[in-house]
Amino acid sequence: MSNRVQQFTEYRRKMNERLLAEDNRVIKRMFSLDSLTYSGEGALDHKSKELMGLVASLVLRCDDCVSYHIAQSVEAGASREEIMETMSIGLVVGGTIVIPHLRRATEFLDEVTGAEA
């Protein structure tokens, strides 16, 4: 795992803890809802849920979310081909404005998987 991936993961963990330490029900409930949505098996398996989260994140142009869902998709067993096809769906749905996010997403995927560019 690259230093950038480690920094992203550590920062996210640290700041999530910081946010959840606040006495704010809305923040805590949203985090809980997010966890319930992506965790465990239901009608959809975990990998499918993460790939769907990746599409939504690309369309909404949230680089942090894209990075998170790439890492979670890899952890859930998604292949590079599955992730790239998922990102192509995000591109079609979101249009060409998604291309800069695809660039950063592919770079992050390379770092998560240790692929050579």
PDB file of N, CA and C in Angstrom:
ATOM      1  N   MET A   1       0.857  -1.185   0.000  1.00  0.00           N
ATOM      2  CA  MET A   1       0.000   0.000   0.000  1.00  0.00           C
ATOM      3  C   MET A   1       0.892   1.234   0.000  1.00  0.00           C
ATOM      4  N   SER A   2       0.593   2.159  -0.878  1.00  0.00           N
ATOM      5  CA  SER A   2       1.414   3.357  -1.004  1.00  0.00           C
ATOM      6  C   SER A   2       1.239   4.279   0.200  1.00  0.00           C
ATOM      7  N   ASN A   3       2.179   5.199   0.336  1.00  0.00           N
ATOM      8  CA  ASN A   3       2.116   6.185   1.408  1.00  0.00           C
ATOM      9  C   ASN A   3       0.859   7.041   1.279  1.00  0.00           C
ATOM     10  N   ARG A   4       0.490   7.389   0.041  1.00  0.00           N
ATOM     11  CA  ARG A   4      -0.720   8.198  -0.173  1.00  0.00           C
ATOM     12  C   ARG A   4      -1.967   7.463   0.286  1.00  0.00           C
ATOM     13  N   VAL A   5      -2.050   6.191  -0.011  1.00  0.00           N
ATOM     14  CA  VAL A   5      -3.198   5.388   0.417  1.00  0.00           C
ATOM     15  C   VAL A   5      -3.232   5.310   1.934  1.00  0.00           C
ATOM     16  N   GLN A   6      -2.084   5.098   2.555  1.00  0.00           N
ATOM     17  CA  GLN A   6      -2.008   5.046   4.017  1.00  0.00           C
ATOM     18  C   GLN A   6      -2.415   6.384   4.629  1.00  0.00           C
ATOM     19  N   GLN A   7      -1.937   7.479   4.052  1.00  0.00           N
ATOM     20  CA  GLN A   7      -2.298   8.809   4.561  1.00  0.00           C
ATOM     21  C   GLN A   7      -3.803   9.043   4.436  1.00  0.00           C
ATOM     22  N   PHE A   8      -4.381   8.694   3.301  1.00  0.00           N
ATOM     23  CA  PHE A   8      -5.814   8.851   3.095  1.00  0.00           C
ATOM     24  C   PHE A   8      -6.582   8.048   4.140  1.00  0.00           C
ATOM     25  N   THR A   9      -6.196   6.796   4.310  1.00  0.00           N
ATOM     26  CA  THR A   9      -6.885   5.900   5.242  1.00  0.00           C
ATOM     27  C   THR A   9      -6.773   6.401   6.677  1.00  0.00           C
ATOM     28  N   GLU A  10      -5.585   6.820   7.065  1.00  0.00           N
ATOM     29  CA  GLU A  10      -5.372   7.293   8.433  1.00  0.00           C
ATOM     30  C   GLU A  10      -6.125   8.602   8.691  1.00  0.00           C
ATOM     31  N   TYR A  11      -6.063   9.529   7.744  1.00  0.00           N
ATOM     32  CA  TYR A  11      -6.771  10.799   7.910  1.00  0.00           C
ATOM     33  C   TYR A  11      -8.274  10.556   8.036  1.00  0.00           C
ATOM     34  N   ARG A  12      -8.810   9.710   7.192  1.00  0.00           N
ATOM     35  CA  ARG A  12     -10.240   9.403   7.224  1.00  0.00           C
ATOM     36  C   ARG A  12     -10.630   8.794   8.571  1.00  0.00           C
ATOM     37  N   ARG A  13      -9.836   7.842   9.051  1.00  0.00           N
ATOM     38  CA  ARG A  13     -10.110   7.203  10.338  1.00  0.00           C
ATOM     39  C   ARG A  13     -10.077   8.237  11.469  1.00  0.00           C
ATOM     40  N   LYS A  14      -9.025   9.056  11.489  1.00  0.00           N
ATOM     41  CA  LYS A  14      -8.852  10.051  12.544  1.00  0.00           C
ATOM     42  C   LYS A  14      -9.992  11.070  12.545  1.00  0.00           C
ATOM     43  N   MET A  15     -10.342  11.578  11.395  1.00  0.00           N
ATOM     44  CA  MET A  15     -11.378  12.605  11.332  1.00  0.00           C
ATOM     45  C   MET A  15     -12.775  12.027  11.550  1.00  0.00           C
ATOM     46  N   ASN A  16     -12.995  10.784  11.152  1.00  0.00           N
ATOM     47  CA  ASN A  16     -14.280  10.152  11.472  1.00  0.00           C
ATOM     48  C   ASN A  16     -14.434  10.017  12.985  1.00  0.00           C
ATOM     49  N   GLU A  17     -13.370   9.601  13.648  1.00  0.00           N
ATOM     50  CA  GLU A  17     -13.416   9.516  15.113  1.00  0.00           C
ATOM     51  C   GLU A  17     -13.703  10.887  15.714  1.00  0.00           C
ATOM     52  N   ARG A  18     -13.060  11.908  15.180  1.00  0.00           N
ATOM     53  CA  ARG A  18     -13.244  13.277  15.675  1.00  0.00           C
ATOM     54  C   ARG A  18     -14.692  13.725  15.486  1.00  0.00           C
ATOM     55  N   LEU A  19     -15.245  13.476  14.308  1.00  0.00           N
ATOM     56  CA  LEU A  19     -16.640  13.850  14.046  1.00  0.00           C
ATOM     57  C   LEU A  19     -17.596  13.097  14.961  1.00  0.00           C
ATOM     58  N   LEU A  20     -17.364  11.812  15.138  1.00  0.00           N
ATOM     59  CA  LEU A  20     -18.268  11.004  15.956  1.00  0.00           C
ATOM     60  C   LEU A  20     -18.153  11.323  17.446  1.00  0.00           C
ATOM     61  N   ALA A  21     -17.070  11.986  17.834  1.00  0.00           N
ATOM     62  CA  ALA A  21     -16.910  12.403  19.232  1.00  0.00           C
ATOM     63  C   ALA A  21     -17.798  13.602  19.555  1.00  0.00           C
ATOM     64  N   GLU A  22     -18.261  14.299  18.532  1.00  0.00           N
ATOM     65  CA  GLU A  22     -19.160  15.435  18.740  1.00  0.00           C
ATOM     66  C   GLU A  22     -20.514  14.922  19.219  1.00  0.00           C
ATOM     67  N   ASP A  23     -21.180  15.731  20.005  1.00  0.00           N
ATOM     68  CA  ASP A  23     -22.502  15.368  20.509  1.00  0.00           C
ATOM     69  C   ASP A  23     -23.552  15.847  19.507  1.00  0.00           C
ATOM     70  N   ASN A  24     -23.609  15.143  18.358  1.00  0.00           N
ATOM     71  CA  ASN A  24     -24.520  15.551  17.294  1.00  0.00           C
ATOM     72  C   ASN A  24     -25.213  14.307  16.738  1.00  0.00           C
ATOM     73  N   ARG A  25     -26.510  14.199  17.007  1.00  0.00           N
ATOM     74  CA  ARG A  25     -27.273  13.014  16.600  1.00  0.00           C
ATOM     75  C   ARG A  25     -27.341  12.861  15.089  1.00  0.00           C
ATOM     76  N   VAL A  26     -27.456  13.959  14.375  1.00  0.00           N
ATOM     77  CA  VAL A  26     -27.569  13.880  12.914  1.00  0.00           C
ATOM     78  C   VAL A  26     -26.306  13.252  12.322  1.00  0.00           C
ATOM     79  N   ILE A  27     -25.139  13.738  12.747  1.00  0.00           N
ATOM     80  CA  ILE A  27     -23.873  13.179  12.260  1.00  0.00           C
ATOM     81  C   ILE A  27     -23.785  11.698  12.609  1.00  0.00           C
ATOM     82  N   LYS A  28     -24.073  11.359  13.841  1.00  0.00           N
ATOM     83  CA  LYS A  28     -23.978   9.960  14.269  1.00  0.00           C
ATOM     84  C   LYS A  28     -24.964   9.075  13.513  1.00  0.00           C
ATOM     85  N   ARG A  29     -26.158   9.575  13.290  1.00  0.00           N
ATOM     86  CA  ARG A  29     -27.163   8.774  12.569  1.00  0.00           C
ATOM     87  C   ARG A  29     -26.796   8.616  11.099  1.00  0.00           C
ATOM     88  N   MET A  30     -26.245   9.637  10.484  1.00  0.00           N
ATOM     89  CA  MET A  30     -25.838   9.521   9.086  1.00  0.00           C
ATOM     90  C   MET A  30     -24.700   8.510   8.946  1.00  0.00           C
ATOM     91  N   PHE A  31     -23.740   8.550   9.851  1.00  0.00           N
ATOM     92  CA  PHE A  31     -22.659   7.566   9.835  1.00  0.00           C
ATOM     93  C   PHE A  31     -23.222   6.161  10.025  1.00  0.00           C
ATOM     94  N   SER A  32     -24.178   6.029  10.921  1.00  0.00           N
ATOM     95  CA  SER A  32     -24.805   4.730  11.158  1.00  0.00           C
ATOM     96  C   SER A  32     -25.556   4.250   9.919  1.00  0.00           C
ATOM     97  N   LEU A  33     -26.295   5.136   9.290  1.00  0.00           N
ATOM     98  CA  LEU A  33     -27.025   4.788   8.078  1.00  0.00           C
ATOM     99  C   LEU A  33     -26.060   4.353   6.972  1.00  0.00           C
ATOM    100  N   ASP A  34     -24.973   5.078   6.827  1.00  0.00           N
ATOM    101  CA  ASP A  34     -23.960   4.739   5.829  1.00  0.00           C
ATOM    102  C   ASP A  34     -23.400   3.338   6.094  1.00  0.00           C
ATOM    103  N   SER A  35     -23.064   3.071   7.340  1.00  0.00           N
ATOM    104  CA  SER A  35     -22.530   1.747   7.707  1.00  0.00           C
ATOM    105  C   SER A  35     -23.536   0.642   7.433  1.00  0.00           C
ATOM    106  N   LEU A  36     -24.785   0.868   7.797  1.00  0.00           N
ATOM    107  CA  LEU A  36     -25.829  -0.135   7.562  1.00  0.00           C
ATOM    108  C   LEU A  36     -26.043  -0.386   6.068  1.00  0.00           C
ATOM    109  N   THR A  37     -25.914   0.652   5.273  1.00  0.00           N
ATOM    110  CA  THR A  37     -26.145   0.526   3.834  1.00  0.00           C
ATOM    111  C   THR A  37     -25.107  -0.369   3.166  1.00  0.00           C
ATOM    112  N   TYR A  38     -23.847  -0.205   3.524  1.00  0.00           N
ATOM    113  CA  TYR A  38     -22.772  -0.918   2.836  1.00  0.00           C
ATOM    114  C   TYR A  38     -22.329  -2.198   3.532  1.00  0.00           C
ATOM    115  N   SER A  39     -22.659  -2.373   4.779  1.00  0.00           N
ATOM    116  CA  SER A  39     -22.150  -3.535   5.504  1.00  0.00           C
ATOM    117  C   SER A  39     -23.026  -4.759   5.278  1.00  0.00           C
ATOM    118  N   GLY A  40     -22.409  -5.892   5.403  1.00  0.00           N
ATOM    119  CA  GLY A  40     -23.138  -7.150   5.387  1.00  0.00           C
ATOM    120  C   GLY A  40     -23.775  -7.506   4.066  1.00  0.00           C
ATOM    121  N   GLU A  41     -24.289  -8.690   4.047  1.00  0.00           N
ATOM    122  CA  GLU A  41     -24.955  -9.212   2.865  1.00  0.00           C
ATOM    123  C   GLU A  41     -26.452  -9.006   3.013  1.00  0.00           C
ATOM    124  N   GLY A  42     -27.079  -8.647   1.964  1.00  0.00           N
ATOM    125  CA  GLY A  42     -28.527  -8.550   1.894  1.00  0.00           C
ATOM    126  C   GLY A  42     -28.918  -9.123   0.553  1.00  0.00           C
ATOM    127  N   ALA A  43     -29.851  -8.498  -0.117  1.00  0.00           N
ATOM    128  CA  ALA A  43     -30.173  -8.914  -1.476  1.00  0.00           C
ATOM    129  C   ALA A  43     -28.968  -8.680  -2.396  1.00  0.00           C
ATOM    130  N   LEU A  44     -28.155  -7.674  -2.054  1.00  0.00           N
ATOM    131  CA  LEU A  44     -26.908  -7.406  -2.777  1.00  0.00           C
ATOM    132  C   LEU A  44     -25.727  -7.800  -1.912  1.00  0.00           C
ATOM    133  N   ASP A  45     -24.690  -8.329  -2.532  1.00  0.00           N
ATOM    134  CA  ASP A  45     -23.483  -8.644  -1.770  1.00  0.00           C
ATOM    135  C   ASP A  45     -22.680  -7.362  -1.532  1.00  0.00           C
ATOM    136  N   HIS A  46     -21.744  -7.448  -0.610  1.00  0.00           N
ATOM    137  CA  HIS A  46     -20.949  -6.287  -0.206  1.00  0.00           C
ATOM    138  C   HIS A  46     -20.196  -5.680  -1.384  1.00  0.00           C
ATOM    139  N   LYS A  47     -19.596  -6.512  -2.224  1.00  0.00           N
ATOM    140  CA  LYS A  47     -18.835  -6.006  -3.365  1.00  0.00           C
ATOM    141  C   LYS A  47     -19.731  -5.184  -4.292  1.00  0.00           C
ATOM    142  N   SER A  48     -20.922  -5.688  -4.586  1.00  0.00           N
ATOM    143  CA  SER A  48     -21.849  -4.955  -5.460  1.00  0.00           C
ATOM    144  C   SER A  48     -22.218  -3.608  -4.868  1.00  0.00           C
ATOM    145  N   LYS A  49     -22.438  -3.573  -3.560  1.00  0.00           N
ATOM    146  CA  LYS A  49     -22.788  -2.313  -2.901  1.00  0.00           C
ATOM    147  C   LYS A  49     -21.650  -1.301  -3.026  1.00  0.00           C
ATOM    148  N   GLU A  50     -20.420  -1.753  -2.841  1.00  0.00           N
ATOM    149  CA  GLU A  50     -19.271  -0.844  -2.950  1.00  0.00           C
ATOM    150  C   GLU A  50     -19.106  -0.345  -4.378  1.00  0.00           C
ATOM    151  N   LEU A  51     -19.309  -1.213  -5.357  1.00  0.00           N
ATOM    152  CA  LEU A  51     -19.209  -0.787  -6.753  1.00  0.00           C
ATOM    153  C   LEU A  51     -20.301   0.225  -7.091  1.00  0.00           C
ATOM    154  N   MET A  52     -21.491   0.024  -6.550  1.00  0.00           N
ATOM    155  CA  MET A  52     -22.562   1.007  -6.748  1.00  0.00           C
ATOM    156  C   MET A  52     -22.198   2.337  -6.086  1.00  0.00           C
ATOM    157  N   GLY A  53     -21.603   2.270  -4.907  1.00  0.00           N
ATOM    158  CA  GLY A  53     -21.138   3.482  -4.234  1.00  0.00           C
ATOM    159  C   GLY A  53     -20.092   4.205  -5.064  1.00  0.00           C
ATOM    160  N   LEU A  54     -19.257   3.442  -5.761  1.00  0.00           N
ATOM    161  CA  LEU A  54     -18.238   4.042  -6.628  1.00  0.00           C
ATOM    162  C   LEU A  54     -18.891   4.805  -7.784  1.00  0.00           C
ATOM    163  N   VAL A  55     -19.897   4.230  -8.412  1.00  0.00           N
ATOM    164  CA  VAL A  55     -20.606   4.928  -9.496  1.00  0.00           C
ATOM    165  C   VAL A  55     -21.209   6.231  -8.971  1.00  0.00           C
ATOM    166  N   ALA A  56     -21.918   6.146  -7.859  1.00  0.00           N
ATOM    167  CA  ALA A  56     -22.560   7.343  -7.299  1.00  0.00           C
ATOM    168  C   ALA A  56     -21.519   8.403  -6.955  1.00  0.00           C
ATOM    169  N   SER A  57     -20.394   7.981  -6.413  1.00  0.00           N
ATOM    170  CA  SER A  57     -19.342   8.925  -6.030  1.00  0.00           C
ATOM    171  C   SER A  57     -18.739   9.616  -7.241  1.00  0.00           C
ATOM    172  N   LEU A  58     -18.551   8.867  -8.327  1.00  0.00           N
ATOM    173  CA  LEU A  58     -18.040   9.487  -9.554  1.00  0.00           C
ATOM    174  C   LEU A  58     -19.033  10.503 -10.107  1.00  0.00           C
ATOM    175  N   VAL A  59     -20.305  10.127 -10.148  1.00  0.00           N
ATOM    176  CA  VAL A  59     -21.329  11.017 -10.690  1.00  0.00           C
ATOM    177  C   VAL A  59     -21.440  12.281  -9.840  1.00  0.00           C
ATOM    178  N   LEU A  60     -21.299  12.128  -8.534  1.00  0.00           N
ATOM    179  CA  LEU A  60     -21.362  13.283  -7.635  1.00  0.00           C
ATOM    180  C   LEU A  60     -20.033  14.024  -7.544  1.00  0.00           C
ATOM    181  N   ARG A  61     -18.996  13.471  -8.164  1.00  0.00           N
ATOM    182  CA  ARG A  61     -17.668  14.078  -8.253  1.00  0.00           C
ATOM    183  C   ARG A  61     -17.033  14.316  -6.880  1.00  0.00           C
ATOM    184  N   CYS A  62     -17.100  13.287  -6.056  1.00  0.00           N
ATOM    185  CA  CYS A  62     -16.492  13.345  -4.720  1.00  0.00           C
ATOM    186  C   CYS A  62     -15.240  12.474  -4.710  1.00  0.00           C
ATOM    187  N   ASP A  63     -14.070  13.098  -4.870  1.00  0.00           N
ATOM    188  CA  ASP A  63     -12.828  12.332  -4.950  1.00  0.00           C
ATOM    189  C   ASP A  63     -12.556  11.491  -3.701  1.00  0.00           C
ATOM    190  N   ASP A  64     -12.829  12.041  -2.517  1.00  0.00           N
ATOM    191  CA  ASP A  64     -12.631  11.253  -1.296  1.00  0.00           C
ATOM    192  C   ASP A  64     -13.523  10.016  -1.304  1.00  0.00           C
ATOM    193  N   CYS A  65     -14.764  10.193  -1.726  1.00  0.00           N
ATOM    194  CA  CYS A  65     -15.706   9.068  -1.779  1.00  0.00           C
ATOM    195  C   CYS A  65     -15.259   8.043  -2.813  1.00  0.00           C
ATOM    196  N   VAL A  66     -14.793   8.520  -3.963  1.00  0.00           N
ATOM    197  CA  VAL A  66     -14.296   7.625  -5.012  1.00  0.00           C
ATOM    198  C   VAL A  66     -13.145   6.790  -4.461  1.00  0.00           C
ATOM    199  N   SER A  67     -12.196   7.445  -3.819  1.00  0.00           N
ATOM    200  CA  SER A  67     -11.046   6.722  -3.257  1.00  0.00           C
ATOM    201  C   SER A  67     -11.496   5.695  -2.230  1.00  0.00           C
ATOM    202  N   TYR A  68     -12.393   6.095  -1.363  1.00  0.00           N
ATOM    203  CA  TYR A  68     -12.893   5.173  -0.335  1.00  0.00           C
ATOM    204  C   TYR A  68     -13.548   3.949  -0.979  1.00  0.00           C
ATOM    205  N   HIS A  69     -14.416   4.163  -1.951  1.00  0.00           N
ATOM    206  CA  HIS A  69     -15.121   3.027  -2.557  1.00  0.00           C
ATOM    207  C   HIS A  69     -14.199   2.167  -3.416  1.00  0.00           C
ATOM    208  N   ILE A  70     -13.158   2.750  -3.981  1.00  0.00           N
ATOM    209  CA  ILE A  70     -12.165   1.923  -4.675  1.00  0.00           C
ATOM    210  C   ILE A  70     -11.487   1.003  -3.677  1.00  0.00           C
ATOM    211  N   ALA A  71     -11.012   1.558  -2.573  1.00  0.00           N
ATOM    212  CA  ALA A  71     -10.337   0.739  -1.563  1.00  0.00           C
ATOM    213  C   ALA A  71     -11.265  -0.337  -1.015  1.00  0.00           C
ATOM    214  N   GLN A  72     -12.503   0.026  -0.738  1.00  0.00           N
ATOM    215  CA  GLN A  72     -13.458  -0.944  -0.205  1.00  0.00           C
ATOM    216  C   GLN A  72     -13.815  -2.006  -1.246  1.00  0.00           C
ATOM    217  N   SER A  73     -13.905  -1.621  -2.505  1.00  0.00           N
ATOM    218  CA  SER A  73     -14.195  -2.582  -3.571  1.00  0.00           C
ATOM    219  C   SER A  73     -13.065  -3.600  -3.710  1.00  0.00           C
ATOM    220  N   VAL A  74     -11.827  -3.114  -3.669  1.00  0.00           N
ATOM    221  CA  VAL A  74     -10.673  -4.022  -3.733  1.00  0.00           C
ATOM    222  C   VAL A  74     -10.704  -4.973  -2.535  1.00  0.00           C
ATOM    223  N   GLU A  75     -10.948  -4.417  -1.351  1.00  0.00           N
ATOM    224  CA  GLU A  75     -11.018  -5.243  -0.142  1.00  0.00           C
ATOM    225  C   GLU A  75     -12.144  -6.271  -0.226  1.00  0.00           C
ATOM    226  N   ALA A  76     -13.235  -5.920  -0.903  1.00  0.00           N
ATOM    227  CA  ALA A  76     -14.377  -6.830  -1.043  1.00  0.00           C
ATOM    228  C   ALA A  76     -14.167  -7.858  -2.154  1.00  0.00           C
ATOM    229  N   GLY A  77     -13.024  -7.774  -2.835  1.00  0.00           N
ATOM    230  CA  GLY A  77     -12.702  -8.775  -3.841  1.00  0.00           C
ATOM    231  C   GLY A  77     -12.946  -8.374  -5.279  1.00  0.00           C
ATOM    232  N   ALA A  78     -13.238  -7.110  -5.524  1.00  0.00           N
ATOM    233  CA  ALA A  78     -13.459  -6.661  -6.904  1.00  0.00           C
ATOM    234  C   ALA A  78     -12.143  -6.675  -7.672  1.00  0.00           C
ATOM    235  N   SER A  79     -12.201  -7.157  -8.896  1.00  0.00           N
ATOM    236  CA  SER A  79     -11.021  -7.159  -9.753  1.00  0.00           C
ATOM    237  C   SER A  79     -10.837  -5.775 -10.372  1.00  0.00           C
ATOM    238  N   ARG A  80      -9.660  -5.545 -10.913  1.00  0.00           N
ATOM    239  CA  ARG A  80      -9.396  -4.284 -11.608  1.00  0.00           C
ATOM    240  C   ARG A  80     -10.391  -4.114 -12.757  1.00  0.00           C
ATOM    241  N   GLU A  81     -10.668  -5.197 -13.472  1.00  0.00           N
ATOM    242  CA  GLU A  81     -11.597  -5.137 -14.598  1.00  0.00           C
ATOM    243  C   GLU A  81     -13.005  -4.748 -14.135  1.00  0.00           C
ATOM    244  N   GLU A  82     -13.441  -5.293 -13.000  1.00  0.00           N
ATOM    245  CA  GLU A  82     -14.756  -4.936 -12.462  1.00  0.00           C
ATOM    246  C   GLU A  82     -14.805  -3.460 -12.069  1.00  0.00           C
ATOM    247  N   ILE A  83     -13.732  -2.989 -11.463  1.00  0.00           N
ATOM    248  CA  ILE A  83     -13.686  -1.590 -11.034  1.00  0.00           C
ATOM    249  C   ILE A  83     -13.644  -0.656 -12.240  1.00  0.00           C
ATOM    250  N   MET A  84     -12.849  -0.993 -13.245  1.00  0.00           N
ATOM    251  CA  MET A  84     -12.790  -0.154 -14.441  1.00  0.00           C
ATOM    252  C   MET A  84     -14.128  -0.140 -15.179  1.00  0.00           C
ATOM    253  N   GLU A  85     -14.808  -1.283 -15.248  1.00  0.00           N
ATOM    254  CA  GLU A  85     -16.126  -1.297 -15.885  1.00  0.00           C
ATOM    255  C   GLU A  85     -17.124  -0.470 -15.088  1.00  0.00           C
ATOM    256  N   THR A  86     -17.042  -0.563 -13.776  1.00  0.00           N
ATOM    257  CA  THR A  86     -17.900   0.248 -12.912  1.00  0.00           C
ATOM    258  C   THR A  86     -17.643   1.731 -13.145  1.00  0.00           C
ATOM    259  N   MET A  87     -16.358   2.095 -13.253  1.00  0.00           N
ATOM    260  CA  MET A  87     -16.039   3.506 -13.487  1.00  0.00           C
ATOM    261  C   MET A  87     -16.513   3.950 -14.867  1.00  0.00           C
ATOM    262  N   SER A  88     -16.536   3.043 -15.839  1.00  0.00           N
ATOM    263  CA  SER A  88     -17.044   3.419 -17.160  1.00  0.00           C
ATOM    264  C   SER A  88     -18.546   3.704 -17.092  1.00  0.00           C
ATOM    265  N   ILE A  89     -19.263   3.002 -16.247  1.00  0.00           N
ATOM    266  CA  ILE A  89     -20.685   3.282 -16.041  1.00  0.00           C
ATOM    267  C   ILE A  89     -20.854   4.672 -15.428  1.00  0.00           C
ATOM    268  N   GLY A  90     -20.024   4.975 -14.426  1.00  0.00           N
ATOM    269  CA  GLY A  90     -20.059   6.302 -13.818  1.00  0.00           C
ATOM    270  C   GLY A  90     -19.784   7.399 -14.839  1.00  0.00           C
ATOM    271  N   LEU A  91     -18.878   7.139 -15.775  1.00  0.00           N
ATOM    272  CA  LEU A  91     -18.567   8.111 -16.821  1.00  0.00           C
ATOM    273  C   LEU A  91     -19.773   8.322 -17.737  1.00  0.00           C
ATOM    274  N   VAL A  92     -20.424   7.242 -18.134  1.00  0.00           N
ATOM    275  CA  VAL A  92     -21.585   7.367 -19.013  1.00  0.00           C
ATOM    276  C   VAL A  92     -22.712   8.121 -18.310  1.00  0.00           C
ATOM    277  N   VAL A  93     -22.963   7.782 -17.057  1.00  0.00           N
ATOM    278  CA  VAL A  93     -24.043   8.433 -16.309  1.00  0.00           C
ATOM    279  C   VAL A  93     -23.703   9.897 -16.042  1.00  0.00           C
ATOM    280  N   GLY A  94     -22.461  10.167 -15.652  1.00  0.00           N
ATOM    281  CA  GLY A  94     -22.077  11.518 -15.255  1.00  0.00           C
ATOM    282  C   GLY A  94     -21.614  12.415 -16.380  1.00  0.00           C
ATOM    283  N   GLY A  95     -21.206  11.828 -17.498  1.00  0.00           N
ATOM    284  CA  GLY A  95     -20.736  12.625 -18.625  1.00  0.00           C
ATOM    285  C   GLY A  95     -19.254  12.972 -18.523  1.00  0.00           C
ATOM    286  N   THR A  96     -18.807  13.761 -19.466  1.00  0.00           N
ATOM    287  CA  THR A  96     -17.374  14.042 -19.575  1.00  0.00           C
ATOM    288  C   THR A  96     -16.805  14.820 -18.394  1.00  0.00           C
ATOM    289  N   ILE A  97     -17.658  15.456 -17.617  1.00  0.00           N
ATOM    290  CA  ILE A  97     -17.162  16.167 -16.438  1.00  0.00           C
ATOM    291  C   ILE A  97     -16.542  15.206 -15.416  1.00  0.00           C
ATOM    292  N   VAL A  98     -16.844  13.918 -15.564  1.00  0.00           N
ATOM    293  CA  VAL A  98     -16.313  12.887 -14.665  1.00  0.00           C
ATOM    294  C   VAL A  98     -14.861  12.530 -15.023  1.00  0.00           C
ATOM    295  N   ILE A  99     -14.399  12.857 -16.234  1.00  0.00           N
ATOM    296  CA  ILE A  99     -13.072  12.431 -16.690  1.00  0.00           C
ATOM    297  C   ILE A  99     -11.947  12.823 -15.729  1.00  0.00           C
ATOM    298  N   PRO A 100     -11.876  14.069 -15.224  1.00  0.00           N
ATOM    299  CA  PRO A 100     -10.795  14.376 -14.276  1.00  0.00           C
ATOM    300  C   PRO A 100     -10.828  13.473 -13.030  1.00  0.00           C
ATOM    301  N   HIS A 101     -12.022  13.096 -12.602  1.00  0.00           N
ATOM    302  CA  HIS A 101     -12.156  12.228 -11.441  1.00  0.00           C
ATOM    303  C   HIS A 101     -11.735  10.802 -11.789  1.00  0.00           C
ATOM    304  N   LEU A 102     -11.978  10.401 -13.029  1.00  0.00           N
ATOM    305  CA  LEU A 102     -11.514   9.089 -13.496  1.00  0.00           C
ATOM    306  C   LEU A 102      -9.993   9.022 -13.478  1.00  0.00           C
ATOM    307  N   ARG A 103      -9.350  10.101 -13.852  1.00  0.00           N
ATOM    308  CA  ARG A 103      -7.882  10.134 -13.828  1.00  0.00           C
ATOM    309  C   ARG A 103      -7.370   9.887 -12.417  1.00  0.00           C
ATOM    310  N   ARG A 104      -7.908  10.641 -11.473  1.00  0.00           N
ATOM    311  CA  ARG A 104      -7.464  10.483 -10.085  1.00  0.00           C
ATOM    312  C   ARG A 104      -7.868   9.113  -9.535  1.00  0.00           C
ATOM    313  N   ALA A 105      -9.032   8.630  -9.942  1.00  0.00           N
ATOM    314  CA  ALA A 105      -9.494   7.318  -9.479  1.00  0.00           C
ATOM    315  C   ALA A 105      -8.576   6.218  -9.978  1.00  0.00           C
ATOM    316  N   THR A 106      -8.164   6.290 -11.228  1.00  0.00           N
ATOM    317  CA  THR A 106      -7.273   5.275 -11.787  1.00  0.00           C
ATOM    318  C   THR A 106      -5.915   5.317 -11.096  1.00  0.00           C
ATOM    319  N   GLU A 107      -5.427   6.503 -10.821  1.00  0.00           N
ATOM    320  CA  GLU A 107      -4.165   6.647 -10.091  1.00  0.00           C
ATOM    321  C   GLU A 107      -4.284   6.029  -8.701  1.00  0.00           C
ATOM    322  N   PHE A 108      -5.394   6.287  -8.017  1.00  0.00           N
ATOM    323  CA  PHE A 108      -5.594   5.725  -6.677  1.00  0.00           C
ATOM    324  C   PHE A 108      -5.721   4.208  -6.754  1.00  0.00           C
ATOM    325  N   LEU A 109      -6.445   3.697  -7.747  1.00  0.00           N
ATOM    326  CA  LEU A 109      -6.565   2.251  -7.935  1.00  0.00           C
ATOM    327  C   LEU A 109      -5.194   1.627  -8.146  1.00  0.00           C
ATOM    328  N   ASP A 110      -4.351   2.268  -8.956  1.00  0.00           N
ATOM    329  CA  ASP A 110      -2.982   1.780  -9.151  1.00  0.00           C
ATOM    330  C   ASP A 110      -2.240   1.689  -7.827  1.00  0.00           C
ATOM    331  N   GLU A 111      -2.415   2.708  -6.993  1.00  0.00           N
ATOM    332  CA  GLU A 111      -1.713   2.726  -5.708  1.00  0.00           C
ATOM    333  C   GLU A 111      -2.270   1.678  -4.751  1.00  0.00           C
ATOM    334  N   VAL A 112      -3.584   1.494  -4.731  1.00  0.00           N
ATOM    335  CA  VAL A 112      -4.195   0.506  -3.843  1.00  0.00           C
ATOM    336  C   VAL A 112      -3.768  -0.909  -4.226  1.00  0.00           C
ATOM    337  N   THR A 113      -3.700  -1.148  -5.521  1.00  0.00           N
ATOM    338  CA  THR A 113      -3.394  -2.508  -5.995  1.00  0.00           C
ATOM    339  C   THR A 113      -1.908  -2.729  -6.250  1.00  0.00           C
ATOM    340  N   GLY A 114      -1.122  -1.659  -6.200  1.00  0.00           N
ATOM    341  CA  GLY A 114       0.312  -1.795  -6.465  1.00  0.00           C
ATOM    342  C   GLY A 114       0.632  -1.968  -7.938  1.00  0.00           C
ATOM    343  N   ALA A 115      -0.299  -1.573  -8.807  1.00  0.00           N
ATOM    344  CA  ALA A 115      -0.103  -1.706 -10.259  1.00  0.00           C
ATOM    345  C   ALA A 115       0.865  -0.656 -10.757  1.00  0.00           C
ATOM    346  N   GLU A 116       1.632  -1.033 -11.735  1.00  0.00           N
ATOM    347  CA  GLU A 116       2.542  -0.101 -12.383  1.00  0.00           C
ATOM    348  C   GLU A 116       1.798   0.662 -13.461  1.00  0.00           C
ATOM    349  N   ALA A 117       2.033   1.941 -13.529  1.00  0.00           N
ATOM    350  CA  ALA A 117       1.382   2.759 -14.567  1.00  0.00           C
ATOM    351  C   ALA A 117       2.087   2.615 -15.885  1.00  0.00           C
TER     352      ALA A 117
END
